[in-house]
Amino acid sequence: MDRKNLLNQFLSICKRKDYKAAIEFQDKIKTLIPGKPVGRRIKNICGLDISFDKGSNRVFAAASMHSFPDLAIVEQKSIKAKTEFPYIPGLLAFREGPAIVELIEKVKSPVDLFIFDGQGIAHPRGAGIASMMGLLLDKPSIGCAKTRLIGEFKEPQNNKGSSADLIYNNRIVGKALRTRDNVKPVFVSVGFKIGLKESLDIILKCCPKYRIPEPIREAHRLSNKLRSDYKR
């Protein structure tokens, strides 16, 4: 697999706003996802988030790198960029991906794992943003979404750490995971080169105080701050 060629194909589709080609690209790469778990020690986790400027194609992307498992902030980066691709359910990676690629080029610390505020294989074509970007960046990744895109599940018990299978087309594509007592679950799915059990364990360890994992919570704060500062 020529990863550079794949990345160039992806960026070209984003720029052309070619919706049909986007779906064909997902269908083409889904055999490469989720990939074989790398099984190495996770030392640095990078959370990613993008904030949109309503009424324009301007986006504000942020990365927050944290040491693991203590979650100390190692490095933070944010950028302003533009997106060509409109919002279409199931094609989020084509809207946010180019800004993420540009942002990651500015991150100096080594990345062992990405956490995305979005889906991994819990996606109609098994290729959500966490899976696609993990593949294109060749890094283990986890999807941790606030809402469900596909599948059915039973409510997990109310205590932190409880989970329930997310079922789609008669197979488990993720978990509804309770990260705090008596709060709504998040939806965790494998992105790339990691297993579901390890993904759940990492997400829980990244949620010492809040429902949302600290790396993507911090990235969200940064992207919103950049947007607010820009609009002043």
Protein backbone atom coordinates (compact mmCIF):
# COMPACT_ATOMS: atom_id res chain seq x y z
CA MET A 1 0.00 0.00 0.00
CA ASP A 2 1.35 3.39 -1.02
CA ARG A 3 0.19 5.56 1.87
CA LYS A 4 1.41 8.80 0.29
CA ASN A 5 -0.62 8.04 -2.83
CA LEU A 6 -3.68 7.28 -0.70
CA LEU A 7 -3.29 10.56 1.14
CA ASN A 8 -2.95 12.48 -2.14
CA GLN A 9 -6.10 10.78 -3.48
CA PHE A 10 -7.96 11.72 -0.32
CA LEU A 11 -6.89 15.38 -0.42
CA SER A 12 -7.78 15.61 -4.11
CA ILE A 13 -11.30 14.30 -3.42
CA CYS A 14 -11.72 16.83 -0.61
CA LYS A 15 -10.63 19.70 -2.84
CA ARG A 16 -12.87 18.65 -5.73
CA LYS A 17 -15.88 18.11 -3.43
CA ASP A 18 -16.47 14.83 -5.24
CA TYR A 19 -19.09 13.07 -3.11
CA LYS A 20 -19.29 9.95 -5.28
CA ALA A 21 -15.51 9.56 -5.24
CA ALA A 22 -15.53 10.02 -1.46
CA ILE A 23 -17.84 7.04 -0.97
CA GLU A 24 -15.83 4.98 -3.46
CA PHE A 25 -12.65 5.86 -1.55
CA GLN A 26 -14.18 4.66 1.72
CA ASP A 27 -15.28 1.42 0.06
CA LYS A 28 -11.75 0.94 -1.32
CA ILE A 29 -9.90 1.43 1.96
CA LYS A 30 -12.28 -0.39 4.31
CA THR A 31 -10.38 -3.67 3.74
CA LEU A 32 -7.34 -1.96 5.32
CA ILE A 33 -9.34 -0.99 8.42
CA PRO A 34 -9.09 -1.52 11.35
CA GLY A 35 -5.65 -3.03 10.76
CA LYS A 36 -3.65 -5.25 13.10
CA PRO A 37 -3.13 -3.82 16.63
CA VAL A 38 0.46 -2.63 17.09
CA GLY A 39 0.65 -3.74 20.73
CA ARG A 40 3.17 -1.10 21.79
CA ARG A 41 3.16 0.99 24.95
CA ILE A 42 1.13 4.19 24.69
CA LYS A 43 3.07 7.17 26.07
CA ASN A 44 1.57 10.16 24.24
CA ILE A 45 -2.08 10.59 23.25
CA CYS A 46 -3.23 13.35 20.90
CA GLY A 47 -6.81 14.58 20.98
CA LEU A 48 -8.16 16.40 17.91
CA ASP A 49 -11.10 18.73 17.45
CA ILE A 50 -12.36 21.20 14.84
CA SER A 51 -14.62 24.19 15.34
CA PHE A 52 -16.52 25.68 12.40
CA ASP A 53 -17.25 29.30 11.59
CA LYS A 54 -20.94 29.30 10.71
CA GLY A 55 -21.70 30.90 7.40
CA SER A 56 -18.20 30.44 5.95
CA ASN A 57 -15.78 27.65 5.03
CA ARG A 58 -13.32 28.66 7.74
CA VAL A 59 -12.38 26.06 10.35
CA PHE A 60 -10.32 26.14 13.54
CA ALA A 61 -8.44 22.91 14.26
CA ALA A 62 -6.70 22.03 17.51
CA ALA A 63 -4.50 19.21 18.78
CA SER A 64 -3.82 18.57 22.45
CA MET A 65 -1.04 16.10 23.28
CA HIS A 66 -1.09 14.45 26.68
CA SER A 67 1.25 12.01 28.37
CA PHE A 68 -0.40 8.75 29.30
CA PRO A 69 -1.67 7.65 31.76
CA ASP A 70 -1.11 10.81 33.87
CA LEU A 71 -2.66 13.08 31.15
CA ALA A 72 -0.23 15.97 31.63
CA ILE A 73 -0.26 18.39 28.70
CA VAL A 74 2.82 17.85 26.52
CA GLU A 75 2.08 20.10 23.55
CA GLN A 76 -0.83 22.01 22.04
CA LYS A 77 -1.24 23.37 18.52
CA SER A 78 -4.08 25.11 16.71
CA ILE A 79 -4.53 26.50 13.21
CA LYS A 80 -7.01 28.37 11.04
CA ALA A 81 -7.81 26.66 7.77
CA LYS A 82 -10.51 26.39 5.12
CA THR A 83 -12.62 23.43 4.14
CA GLU A 84 -14.00 22.80 0.66
CA PHE A 85 -16.21 19.82 1.50
CA PRO A 86 -19.74 20.41 2.88
CA TYR A 87 -21.21 18.61 5.88
CA ILE A 88 -22.58 15.23 4.77
CA PRO A 89 -23.33 12.50 7.36
CA GLY A 90 -20.85 9.65 6.93
CA LEU A 91 -18.32 11.82 5.08
CA LEU A 92 -17.01 13.89 8.00
CA ALA A 93 -13.38 12.93 7.31
CA PHE A 94 -13.50 14.68 3.93
CA ARG A 95 -14.70 17.89 5.59
CA GLU A 96 -12.24 17.90 8.51
CA GLY A 97 -9.36 15.76 7.21
CA PRO A 98 -7.34 18.33 5.24
CA ALA A 99 -7.17 20.66 8.25
CA ILE A 100 -6.15 17.74 10.47
CA VAL A 101 -3.32 16.78 8.07
CA GLU A 102 -2.10 20.39 8.05
CA LEU A 103 -2.32 20.60 11.84
CA ILE A 104 -0.47 17.34 12.53
CA GLU A 105 2.46 18.54 10.43
CA LYS A 106 3.00 21.22 13.08
CA VAL A 107 2.98 18.83 16.06
CA LYS A 108 6.55 18.14 17.14
CA SER A 109 6.00 15.53 19.87
CA PRO A 110 5.77 11.87 18.85
CA VAL A 111 2.19 10.61 18.64
CA ASP A 112 1.43 7.08 19.86
CA LEU A 113 -2.36 7.32 19.57
CA PHE A 114 -5.04 9.68 18.27
CA ILE A 115 -8.48 10.12 19.84
CA PHE A 116 -11.10 11.63 17.55
CA ASP A 117 -14.43 13.17 18.46
CA GLY A 118 -16.14 10.99 15.88
CA GLN A 119 -16.60 7.44 14.68
CA GLY A 120 -14.14 4.69 13.88
CA ILE A 121 -15.57 1.51 12.36
CA ALA A 122 -19.03 2.35 13.78
CA HIS A 123 -19.85 3.81 10.39
CA PRO A 124 -22.06 2.69 7.47
CA ARG A 125 -18.98 1.75 5.41
CA GLY A 126 -16.72 0.94 8.35
CA ALA A 127 -14.60 4.02 7.66
CA GLY A 128 -15.39 6.88 10.03
CA ILE A 129 -13.03 9.78 10.60
CA ALA A 130 -10.99 8.01 13.31
CA SER A 131 -10.41 5.00 11.05
CA MET A 132 -9.69 6.98 7.89
CA MET A 133 -7.31 9.46 9.49
CA GLY A 134 -5.59 6.74 11.51
CA LEU A 135 -4.95 4.84 8.27
CA LEU A 136 -3.81 7.92 6.32
CA LEU A 137 -1.55 9.11 9.15
CA ASP A 138 -0.46 5.53 9.94
CA LYS A 139 -1.14 5.87 13.67
CA PRO A 140 -3.34 3.93 16.09
CA SER A 141 -6.62 5.76 16.62
CA ILE A 142 -9.85 5.56 18.58
CA GLY A 143 -13.24 7.03 17.77
CA CYS A 144 -15.04 8.49 20.78
CA ALA A 145 -18.28 10.15 19.72
CA LYS A 146 -20.86 11.95 21.84
CA THR A 147 -23.68 10.59 19.69
CA ARG A 148 -24.39 7.37 17.81
CA LEU A 149 -24.21 7.30 14.02
CA ILE A 150 -25.32 3.71 13.38
CA GLY A 151 -26.32 0.59 15.28
CA GLU A 152 -28.49 -0.39 18.21
CA PHE A 153 -27.58 -0.80 21.87
CA LYS A 154 -29.10 -1.33 25.29
CA GLU A 155 -28.43 1.31 27.92
CA PRO A 156 -25.41 0.31 30.03
CA GLN A 157 -25.69 0.37 33.81
CA ASN A 158 -25.36 3.79 35.42
CA ASN A 159 -21.95 3.33 37.04
CA LYS A 160 -18.68 4.48 35.44
CA GLY A 161 -17.06 1.76 33.33
CA SER A 162 -20.30 0.03 32.37
CA SER A 163 -20.69 -0.62 28.67
CA ALA A 164 -23.05 -2.18 26.16
CA ASP A 165 -22.43 -3.59 22.70
CA LEU A 166 -23.19 -1.35 19.73
CA ILE A 167 -24.62 -3.72 17.10
CA TYR A 168 -24.82 -3.02 13.37
CA ASN A 169 -25.62 -5.64 10.72
CA ASN A 170 -25.43 -8.36 13.38
CA ARG A 171 -21.89 -7.56 14.49
CA ILE A 172 -20.32 -5.54 17.29
CA VAL A 173 -18.93 -2.28 15.89
CA GLY A 174 -18.31 -0.51 19.18
CA LYS A 175 -19.52 0.11 22.71
CA ALA A 176 -21.76 2.56 24.50
CA LEU A 177 -19.50 3.40 27.44
CA ARG A 178 -20.42 5.17 30.67
CA THR A 179 -17.44 7.37 31.55
CA ARG A 180 -19.05 8.87 34.65
CA ASP A 181 -21.79 7.71 37.00
CA ASN A 182 -25.27 8.68 35.85
CA VAL A 183 -24.27 10.55 32.69
CA LYS A 184 -24.98 9.78 29.04
CA PRO A 185 -22.61 7.20 27.51
CA VAL A 186 -20.09 7.99 24.80
CA PHE A 187 -19.77 5.75 21.75
CA VAL A 188 -16.37 4.14 21.43
CA SER A 189 -15.22 2.31 18.32
CA VAL A 190 -11.93 1.04 17.00
CA GLY A 191 -10.27 3.47 14.66
CA PHE A 192 -7.06 1.91 13.38
CA LYS A 193 -4.44 -0.53 14.68
CA ILE A 194 -6.00 -1.02 18.11
CA GLY A 195 -8.47 -3.43 19.70
CA LEU A 196 -11.84 -2.58 21.23
CA LYS A 197 -10.94 -3.75 24.75
CA GLU A 198 -7.81 -1.59 24.82
CA SER A 199 -9.76 1.33 23.35
CA LEU A 200 -12.30 1.16 26.18
CA ASP A 201 -9.57 0.97 28.81
CA ILE A 202 -7.76 4.00 27.36
CA ILE A 203 -10.92 6.10 27.06
CA LEU A 204 -11.84 5.39 30.68
CA LYS A 205 -8.36 6.34 31.88
CA CYS A 206 -8.65 9.57 29.88
CA CYS A 207 -11.87 10.51 31.75
CA PRO A 208 -10.80 11.12 35.37
CA LYS A 209 -13.31 13.97 35.90
CA TYR A 210 -15.48 14.53 32.87
CA ARG A 211 -17.66 12.61 30.41
CA ILE A 212 -15.38 13.48 27.48
CA PRO A 213 -11.75 12.22 27.37
CA GLU A 214 -9.31 14.90 28.48
CA PRO A 215 -7.31 15.07 25.21
CA ILE A 216 -10.35 15.84 23.05
CA ARG A 217 -11.93 18.00 25.75
CA GLU A 218 -8.79 20.17 25.75
CA ALA A 219 -8.63 20.19 21.95
CA HIS A 220 -12.26 21.33 21.86
CA ARG A 221 -11.49 24.16 24.28
CA LEU A 222 -8.53 25.25 22.15
CA SER A 223 -10.42 25.21 18.86
CA ASN A 224 -13.28 27.23 20.34
CA LYS A 225 -10.85 29.74 21.83
CA LEU A 226 -9.10 30.18 18.47
CA ARG A 227 -12.47 30.78 16.80
CA SER A 228 -13.54 33.27 19.47
CA ASP A 229 -10.26 35.16 19.33
CA TYR A 230 -10.45 35.33 15.53
CA LYS A 231 -13.98 36.78 15.56
CA ARG A 232 -13.24 39.56 18.06
